[in-house]
C-alpha atoms as a PDB file:
ATOM      1  CA  MET A   1    -241.278-112.347 -10.029  1.00  0.00           C
ATOM      2  CA  GLY A   2    -238.171-110.486  -9.162  1.00  0.00           C
ATOM      3  CA  ILE A   3    -238.617-110.252  -5.136  1.00  0.00           C
ATOM      4  CA  LYS A   4    -236.818-112.659  -2.994  1.00  0.00           C
ATOM      5  CA  PRO A   5    -237.594-112.150   0.789  1.00  0.00           C
ATOM      6  CA  LEU A   6    -234.667-112.528   3.281  1.00  0.00           C
ATOM      7  CA  GLY A   7    -234.518-114.581   6.408  1.00  0.00           C
ATOM      8  CA  ASP A   8    -237.885-115.439   7.981  1.00  0.00           C
ATOM      9  CA  ARG A   9    -239.882-112.939   5.842  1.00  0.00           C
ATOM     10  CA  VAL A  10    -242.725-113.869   3.461  1.00  0.00           C
ATOM     11  CA  LEU A  11    -244.045-112.160   0.368  1.00  0.00           C
ATOM     12  CA  ILE A  12    -247.839-112.108   0.115  1.00  0.00           C
ATOM     13  CA  GLU A  13    -249.998-111.068  -2.819  1.00  0.00           C
ATOM     14  CA  VAL A  14    -252.733-109.153  -1.232  1.00  0.00           C
ATOM     15  CA  LYS A  15    -256.222-110.374  -2.086  1.00  0.00           C
ATOM     16  CA  GLY A  16    -257.867-107.827  -4.315  1.00  0.00           C
ATOM     17  CA  GLU A  17    -261.001-106.134  -3.101  1.00  0.00           C
ATOM     18  CA  GLU A  18    -264.249-105.522  -5.060  1.00  0.00           C
ATOM     19  CA  MET A  19    -265.626-102.016  -5.142  1.00  0.00           C
ATOM     20  CA  GLU A  20    -267.645-101.847  -1.981  1.00  0.00           C
ATOM     21  CA  LYS A  21    -271.113-100.193  -2.320  1.00  0.00           C
ATOM     22  CA  GLN A  22    -273.259 -99.256   0.635  1.00  0.00           C
ATOM     23  CA  GLY A  23    -276.843 -98.445  -0.634  1.00  0.00           C
ATOM     24  CA  SER A  24    -276.206 -96.168  -3.727  1.00  0.00           C
ATOM     25  CA  ILE A  25    -272.805 -94.832  -2.314  1.00  0.00           C
ATOM     26  CA  TYR A  26    -269.542 -96.257  -3.010  1.00  0.00           C
ATOM     27  CA  ILE A  27    -267.160 -96.664  -0.188  1.00  0.00           C
ATOM     28  CA  PRO A  28    -263.648 -94.845  -0.772  1.00  0.00           C
ATOM     29  CA  ASP A  29    -260.578 -97.007  -0.249  1.00  0.00           C
ATOM     30  CA  THR A  30    -259.488 -94.772   2.738  1.00  0.00           C
ATOM     31  CA  ALA A  31    -262.497 -95.878   4.601  1.00  0.00           C
ATOM     32  CA  LYS A  32    -262.412 -99.529   3.928  1.00  0.00           C
ATOM     33  CA  GLU A  33    -260.490-101.881   6.208  1.00  0.00           C
ATOM     34  CA  LYS A  34    -257.141-103.408   5.225  1.00  0.00           C
ATOM     35  CA  PRO A  35    -257.482-106.992   3.801  1.00  0.00           C
ATOM     36  CA  GLN A  36    -255.967-109.748   6.021  1.00  0.00           C
ATOM     37  CA  GLU A  37    -255.808-112.599   3.533  1.00  0.00           C
ATOM     38  CA  GLY A  38    -253.349-113.460   0.637  1.00  0.00           C
ATOM     39  CA  LYS A  39    -251.469-115.677  -1.398  1.00  0.00           C
ATOM     40  CA  VAL A  40    -247.856-116.590  -0.631  1.00  0.00           C
ATOM     41  CA  VAL A  41    -245.944-115.932  -3.605  1.00  0.00           C
ATOM     42  CA  ALA A  42    -242.155-115.979  -2.166  1.00  0.00           C
ATOM     43  CA  VAL A  43    -240.570-117.160   1.144  1.00  0.00           C
ATOM     44  CA  GLY A  44    -237.116-116.523   2.562  1.00  0.00           C
ATOM     45  CA  ASN A  45    -234.645-119.315   3.552  1.00  0.00           C
ATOM     46  CA  GLY A  46    -236.046-119.579   7.236  1.00  0.00           C
ATOM     47  CA  ARG A  47    -234.707-118.396  10.846  1.00  0.00           C
ATOM     48  CA  TYR A  48    -231.722-119.345  12.807  1.00  0.00           C
ATOM     49  CA  GLU A  49    -232.240-120.759  16.171  1.00  0.00           C
ATOM     50  CA  ASP A  50    -229.131-121.952  17.994  1.00  0.00           C
ATOM     51  CA  GLY A  51    -227.020-121.794  14.926  1.00  0.00           C
ATOM     52  CA  LYS A  52    -229.343-123.823  12.887  1.00  0.00           C
ATOM     53  CA  LEU A  53    -231.435-122.924  10.009  1.00  0.00           C
ATOM     54  CA  VAL A  54    -235.021-123.696  10.692  1.00  0.00           C
ATOM     55  CA  PRO A  55    -237.250-123.521   7.423  1.00  0.00           C
ATOM     56  CA  LEU A  56    -240.645-121.673   7.445  1.00  0.00           C
ATOM     57  CA  ASP A  57    -243.970-123.496   7.961  1.00  0.00           C
ATOM     58  CA  VAL A  58    -245.596-121.699   4.949  1.00  0.00           C
ATOM     59  CA  LYS A  59    -244.882-122.418   1.349  1.00  0.00           C
ATOM     60  CA  VAL A  60    -245.595-120.969  -2.038  1.00  0.00           C
ATOM     61  CA  GLY A  61    -249.253-121.234  -2.817  1.00  0.00           C
ATOM     62  CA  ASP A  62    -250.503-121.200   0.487  1.00  0.00           C
ATOM     63  CA  THR A  63    -253.413-118.770   1.262  1.00  0.00           C
ATOM     64  CA  VAL A  64    -252.818-117.190   4.606  1.00  0.00           C
ATOM     65  CA  LEU A  65    -254.423-114.773   7.233  1.00  0.00           C
ATOM     66  CA  TYR A  66    -252.298-112.212   8.634  1.00  0.00           C
ATOM     67  CA  GLY A  67    -252.465-109.446  11.204  1.00  0.00           C
ATOM     68  CA  LYS A  68    -254.385-106.302  10.295  1.00  0.00           C
ATOM     69  CA  TYR A  69    -251.463-103.940  10.660  1.00  0.00           C
ATOM     70  CA  ALA A  70    -248.516-106.322   9.906  1.00  0.00           C
ATOM     71  CA  GLY A  71    -245.687-105.982   7.296  1.00  0.00           C
ATOM     72  CA  THR A  72    -244.701-103.488   4.815  1.00  0.00           C
ATOM     73  CA  ASP A  73    -246.831-102.696   1.678  1.00  0.00           C
ATOM     74  CA  VAL A  74    -244.797-102.899  -1.545  1.00  0.00           C
ATOM     75  CA  LYS A  75    -245.900-102.305  -5.246  1.00  0.00           C
ATOM     76  CA  HIS A  76    -244.126-104.097  -7.914  1.00  0.00           C
ATOM     77  CA  GLY A  77    -245.165-104.113 -11.525  1.00  0.00           C
ATOM     78  CA  ASP A  78    -248.923-104.185 -11.637  1.00  0.00           C
ATOM     79  CA  GLY A  79    -249.204-106.097  -8.347  1.00  0.00           C
ATOM     80  CA  GLU A  80    -249.543-105.004  -4.694  1.00  0.00           C
ATOM     81  CA  TYR A  81    -247.778-107.073  -2.139  1.00  0.00           C
ATOM     82  CA  LEU A  82    -246.973-107.363   1.468  1.00  0.00           C
ATOM     83  CA  ILE A  83    -243.670-108.516   3.235  1.00  0.00           C
ATOM     84  CA  VAL A  84    -244.362-109.894   6.610  1.00  0.00           C
ATOM     85  CA  ARG A  85    -242.220-111.923   9.035  1.00  0.00           C
ATOM     86  CA  GLU A  86    -243.634-115.673   9.596  1.00  0.00           C
ATOM     87  CA  SER A  87    -244.525-114.744  13.048  1.00  0.00           C
ATOM     88  CA  ASP A  88    -247.093-112.070  11.858  1.00  0.00           C
ATOM     89  CA  ILE A  89    -248.999-114.958   9.881  1.00  0.00           C
ATOM     90  CA  LEU A  90    -251.901-116.019  12.061  1.00  0.00           C
ATOM     91  CA  ALA A  91    -253.119-119.187  10.039  1.00  0.00           C
ATOM     92  CA  ILE A  92    -252.964-121.225   6.729  1.00  0.00           C
ATOM     93  CA  VAL A  93    -256.422-121.249   5.126  1.00  0.00           C
ATOM     94  CA  GLU A  94    -257.105-124.772   3.836  1.00  0.00           C
END
């Protein structure tokens, strides 16, 4: 992969979107809503609380839902990723 998040950060592969069409008009990327679901591809070591390392609740391979405007967008190779803090992750999709 090549990217290792630090601390309580999580690297998420953004779920790809299909080209959206409304009637006979294609909706441009700028008018689409940002996706809120993705797959965890890397996690940091955890966060420190009272001097103790607390591991993260999410793990590599989990599909998660995150806040609409959470994190930092990152492009690496051919993929698009998002780096978020664990607290920005709302749920794990089962």
